[in-house]
């Protein structure tokens, strides 16, 4: 956990009402979200197809909260510039999709955005060991990507801890994000393992007390991890 800034709570737009995305962005900003994530799927890297850059650009005008794009696509080098131009402050690509990962991350930074790299559940932590100089965020997937509403995979916690150790040894200001099945319960486990940025979709959007209460509950829970990380 980044003690200086505290946990970062990022709602996923995949769980939002797709007929009113601009309003949803405003509502999430008002609820206290630190930023929002756009799950970009191409129907090839993952089975589903979601939003393109034009939708993101239209919503960019509706809310001041920062945007991040999680590119679950087979051609991240082609897609990334479009989402930077659409107003995404952070663009995350998958290590499994980027043929020349270091070059891809450096290219995102040259476009003026922050660069992130995501790891699917089967991908080892040390895959990103030699690209951290060009990385602003590492995303450890705690589900297999492509669908919302999946159950958190506790088996990813040792990998979260391994990525945290890599980041700590590197010494740079790199965020460690988790995405998949994040609730008021599982966020404590992910925080214990070393994550400091938390994506929540289905749980947050369905909270009976509303989104502001959900964001506050997640933030509190992340600040009270289950156990001290070794």
Protein backbone atom coordinates (compact mmCIF):
# COMPACT_ATOMS: atom_id res chain seq x y z
CA UNK A 1 0.00 0.00 0.00
CA UNK A 2 1.21 3.48 -0.85
CA UNK A 3 1.06 5.07 2.57
CA UNK A 4 1.51 8.57 1.20
CA UNK A 5 -1.61 8.63 -0.96
CA UNK A 6 -3.70 5.74 0.34
CA UNK A 7 -5.76 3.28 -1.70
CA UNK A 8 -6.95 4.34 -5.16
CA UNK A 9 -10.50 3.26 -6.04
CA UNK A 10 -11.33 2.94 -9.74
CA UNK A 11 -14.83 1.91 -10.87
CA UNK A 12 -15.08 -0.06 -14.10
CA UNK A 13 -17.32 1.40 -16.78
CA UNK A 14 -18.07 -2.16 -17.90
CA UNK A 15 -20.63 -2.33 -15.08
CA UNK A 16 -22.17 1.08 -15.87
CA UNK A 17 -25.47 1.68 -17.63
CA UNK A 18 -24.28 1.59 -21.24
CA UNK A 19 -27.18 3.78 -22.40
CA UNK A 20 -26.04 6.74 -20.29
CA UNK A 21 -22.27 6.58 -20.02
CA UNK A 22 -21.71 10.33 -19.72
CA UNK A 23 -24.07 10.55 -16.77
CA UNK A 24 -22.42 7.49 -15.26
CA UNK A 25 -19.00 9.17 -15.42
CA UNK A 26 -20.35 12.24 -13.66
CA UNK A 27 -22.03 10.12 -11.00
CA UNK A 28 -18.87 8.13 -10.31
CA UNK A 29 -16.81 11.30 -10.02
CA UNK A 30 -19.37 12.70 -7.58
CA UNK A 31 -19.22 9.42 -5.62
CA UNK A 32 -15.53 9.99 -4.92
CA UNK A 33 -13.89 7.71 -7.49
CA UNK A 34 -10.22 8.52 -8.04
CA UNK A 35 -10.56 7.73 -11.75
CA UNK A 36 -12.63 5.42 -13.96
CA UNK A 37 -11.54 2.54 -16.14
CA UNK A 38 -12.68 1.80 -19.68
CA UNK A 39 -12.53 -1.90 -20.49
CA UNK A 40 -11.69 -1.98 -24.19
CA UNK A 41 -12.34 -5.39 -25.77
CA UNK A 42 -11.94 -6.30 -29.43
CA UNK A 43 -13.68 -9.67 -29.69
CA UNK A 44 -10.36 -11.32 -30.50
CA UNK A 45 -8.00 -11.03 -27.52
CA UNK A 46 -11.12 -11.61 -25.41
CA UNK A 47 -14.54 -12.77 -26.66
CA UNK A 48 -16.51 -9.61 -25.91
CA UNK A 49 -16.58 -6.31 -27.82
CA UNK A 50 -17.03 -3.06 -25.90
CA UNK A 51 -16.32 0.63 -26.48
CA UNK A 52 -14.17 2.48 -28.99
CA UNK A 53 -12.31 5.78 -28.67
CA UNK A 54 -15.22 7.91 -29.94
CA UNK A 55 -17.38 6.85 -27.00
CA UNK A 56 -14.56 7.59 -24.57
CA UNK A 57 -13.94 11.00 -26.16
CA UNK A 58 -17.64 11.89 -25.88
CA UNK A 59 -17.65 10.99 -22.20
CA UNK A 60 -14.38 12.84 -21.58
CA UNK A 61 -16.34 16.09 -21.94
CA UNK A 62 -18.82 15.01 -19.28
CA UNK A 63 -16.61 14.56 -16.21
CA UNK A 64 -13.32 15.81 -14.82
CA UNK A 65 -12.30 12.49 -13.26
CA UNK A 66 -9.20 10.93 -14.89
CA UNK A 67 -9.72 8.11 -17.40
CA UNK A 68 -7.71 4.93 -17.83
CA UNK A 69 -8.10 2.54 -20.77
CA UNK A 70 -7.48 -1.17 -20.23
CA UNK A 71 -6.79 -2.44 -23.75
CA UNK A 72 -7.79 -6.10 -23.99
CA UNK A 73 -6.97 -6.13 -27.69
CA UNK A 74 -4.69 -7.99 -30.08
CA UNK A 75 -3.19 -4.83 -31.59
CA UNK A 76 -2.34 -2.51 -28.69
CA UNK A 77 0.14 -0.43 -30.68
CA UNK A 78 -2.59 0.50 -33.16
CA UNK A 79 -5.24 1.15 -30.50
CA UNK A 80 -3.25 3.10 -27.91
CA UNK A 81 -2.88 6.42 -29.80
CA UNK A 82 -6.64 6.59 -30.39
CA UNK A 83 -7.39 6.28 -26.68
CA UNK A 84 -4.76 8.82 -25.70
CA UNK A 85 -6.33 11.27 -28.16
CA UNK A 86 -9.75 10.40 -26.71
CA UNK A 87 -8.57 11.71 -23.34
CA UNK A 88 -7.22 8.72 -21.42
CA UNK A 89 -4.55 9.73 -18.93
CA UNK A 90 -3.36 6.13 -18.52
CA UNK A 91 -3.30 3.36 -21.13
CA UNK A 92 -2.80 -0.26 -20.04
CA UNK A 93 -1.72 -2.94 -22.51
CA UNK A 94 -1.43 -6.69 -22.00
CA UNK A 95 2.01 -8.25 -21.86
CA UNK A 96 0.53 -11.20 -23.74
CA UNK A 97 -0.56 -8.98 -26.67
CA UNK A 98 2.44 -6.67 -27.04
CA UNK A 99 5.11 -8.20 -29.30
CA UNK A 100 7.68 -5.59 -28.24
CA UNK A 101 6.43 -4.61 -24.79
CA UNK A 102 9.19 -2.14 -23.90
CA UNK A 103 8.66 -0.27 -27.18
CA UNK A 104 4.88 -0.24 -26.72
CA UNK A 105 5.09 1.22 -23.21
CA UNK A 106 7.65 3.83 -24.27
CA UNK A 107 5.41 4.78 -27.19
CA UNK A 108 2.43 5.42 -24.90
CA UNK A 109 4.57 7.72 -22.78
CA UNK A 110 5.76 9.61 -25.86
CA UNK A 111 2.11 10.25 -26.67
CA UNK A 112 1.78 12.05 -23.34
CA UNK A 113 -0.04 9.40 -21.31
CA UNK A 114 1.03 7.15 -18.48
CA UNK A 115 1.80 3.56 -19.47
CA UNK A 116 0.55 0.43 -17.75
CA UNK A 117 1.08 -3.29 -18.34
CA UNK A 118 -1.45 -6.00 -17.44
CA UNK A 119 -0.73 -9.64 -16.63
CA UNK A 120 -3.27 -12.40 -17.18
CA UNK A 121 -3.57 -15.01 -14.41
CA UNK A 122 -1.21 -17.48 -16.15
CA UNK A 123 1.50 -14.90 -16.88
CA UNK A 124 4.45 -14.89 -14.44
CA UNK A 125 5.26 -11.79 -12.42
CA UNK A 126 8.81 -11.57 -13.72
CA UNK A 127 7.52 -10.99 -17.26
CA UNK A 128 7.60 -7.25 -16.49
CA UNK A 129 10.93 -7.21 -14.62
CA UNK A 130 12.84 -5.60 -17.49
CA UNK A 131 10.26 -3.02 -18.60
CA UNK A 132 9.69 -1.22 -15.31
CA UNK A 133 11.72 1.80 -16.45
CA UNK A 134 8.93 2.49 -18.98
CA UNK A 135 6.04 1.52 -16.69
CA UNK A 136 3.79 3.66 -14.50
CA UNK A 137 1.40 0.91 -13.40
CA UNK A 138 1.30 -2.89 -13.29
CA UNK A 139 -2.13 -4.53 -13.37
CA UNK A 140 -2.41 -8.06 -11.97
CA UNK A 141 -5.63 -9.62 -13.24
CA UNK A 142 -7.47 -11.39 -10.44
CA UNK A 143 -9.85 -12.98 -12.95
CA UNK A 144 -9.42 -14.10 -16.53
CA UNK A 145 -10.20 -11.05 -18.68
CA UNK A 146 -13.22 -10.62 -20.91
CA UNK A 147 -16.29 -10.64 -18.69
CA UNK A 148 -17.63 -8.73 -15.69
CA UNK A 149 -19.02 -10.32 -12.55
CA UNK A 150 -16.39 -13.05 -12.15
CA UNK A 151 -15.14 -14.40 -8.84
CA UNK A 152 -11.82 -13.21 -7.43
CA UNK A 153 -8.94 -15.69 -7.73
CA UNK A 154 -7.08 -15.92 -4.38
CA UNK A 155 -4.31 -17.83 -6.17
CA UNK A 156 -3.19 -14.50 -7.64
CA UNK A 157 -2.15 -13.11 -4.25
CA UNK A 158 1.39 -14.57 -4.34
CA UNK A 159 1.81 -12.98 -7.77
CA UNK A 160 0.60 -9.62 -6.44
CA UNK A 161 3.21 -9.91 -3.69
CA UNK A 162 5.89 -10.86 -6.23
CA UNK A 163 5.06 -7.83 -8.40
CA UNK A 164 5.13 -5.62 -5.30
CA UNK A 165 8.62 -6.90 -4.52
CA UNK A 166 9.75 -6.13 -8.09
CA UNK A 167 8.34 -2.60 -7.86
CA UNK A 168 9.89 -2.00 -4.45
CA UNK A 169 13.30 -3.15 -5.67
CA UNK A 170 12.98 -0.92 -8.73
CA UNK A 171 12.20 2.06 -6.53
CA UNK A 172 10.15 4.04 -9.03
CA UNK A 173 6.68 5.53 -8.49
CA UNK A 174 4.83 2.56 -10.03
CA UNK A 175 1.26 1.74 -9.04
CA UNK A 176 0.12 -1.85 -8.49
CA UNK A 177 -3.46 -2.39 -9.62
CA UNK A 178 -5.78 -5.39 -9.31
CA UNK A 179 -8.88 -6.05 -11.38
CA UNK A 180 -11.48 -8.78 -11.05
CA UNK A 181 -13.92 -9.74 -8.33
CA UNK A 182 -13.00 -6.84 -6.05
CA UNK A 183 -15.45 -6.45 -3.16
CA UNK A 184 -15.31 -5.15 0.40
CA UNK A 185 -13.93 -8.56 1.39
CA UNK A 186 -11.50 -9.40 -1.41
CA UNK A 187 -10.00 -5.90 -1.46
CA UNK A 188 -8.51 -6.59 1.97
CA UNK A 189 -6.75 -9.68 0.64
CA UNK A 190 -5.40 -7.86 -2.41
CA UNK A 191 -4.21 -4.98 -0.23
CA UNK A 192 -2.48 -7.48 2.07
CA UNK A 193 -0.58 -8.81 -0.91
CA UNK A 194 0.62 -5.32 -1.85
CA UNK A 195 -1.89 -3.77 -4.27
CA UNK A 196 -2.66 -0.05 -3.97
CA UNK A 197 -5.10 0.52 -6.88
CA UNK A 198 -8.38 -1.40 -7.02
CA UNK A 199 -10.83 -1.82 -9.89
CA UNK A 200 -14.40 -2.62 -8.87
CA UNK A 201 -17.28 -3.11 -11.28
CA UNK A 202 -20.24 -5.30 -10.43
CA UNK A 203 -19.94 -5.07 -6.65
CA UNK A 204 -19.60 -1.29 -6.66
CA UNK A 205 -22.42 -0.67 -9.13
CA UNK A 206 -24.85 -2.92 -7.22
CA UNK A 207 -24.16 -1.61 -3.72
CA UNK A 208 -27.51 -1.19 -1.98
CA UNK A 209 -26.49 2.12 -0.39
CA UNK A 210 -25.27 3.63 -3.67
CA UNK A 211 -21.93 4.32 -5.27
CA UNK A 212 -20.62 6.91 -2.82
CA UNK A 213 -21.12 4.42 0.01
CA UNK A 214 -19.47 1.69 -2.07
CA UNK A 215 -16.40 3.83 -2.86
CA UNK A 216 -16.06 4.83 0.80
CA UNK A 217 -16.45 1.23 1.97
CA UNK A 218 -13.81 -0.01 -0.45
CA UNK A 219 -11.40 2.75 0.53
CA UNK A 220 -11.80 1.93 4.22
CA UNK A 221 -11.47 -1.82 3.66
CA UNK A 222 -8.33 -1.40 1.53
CA UNK A 223 -6.77 0.60 4.34
CA UNK A 224 -7.37 -2.29 6.74
CA UNK A 225 -5.76 -5.32 5.07
CA UNK A 226 -6.32 -8.78 6.50
CA UNK A 227 -2.71 -9.31 7.47
CA UNK A 228 0.65 -7.63 7.30
CA UNK A 229 2.39 -8.41 4.00
CA UNK A 230 5.67 -10.25 4.44
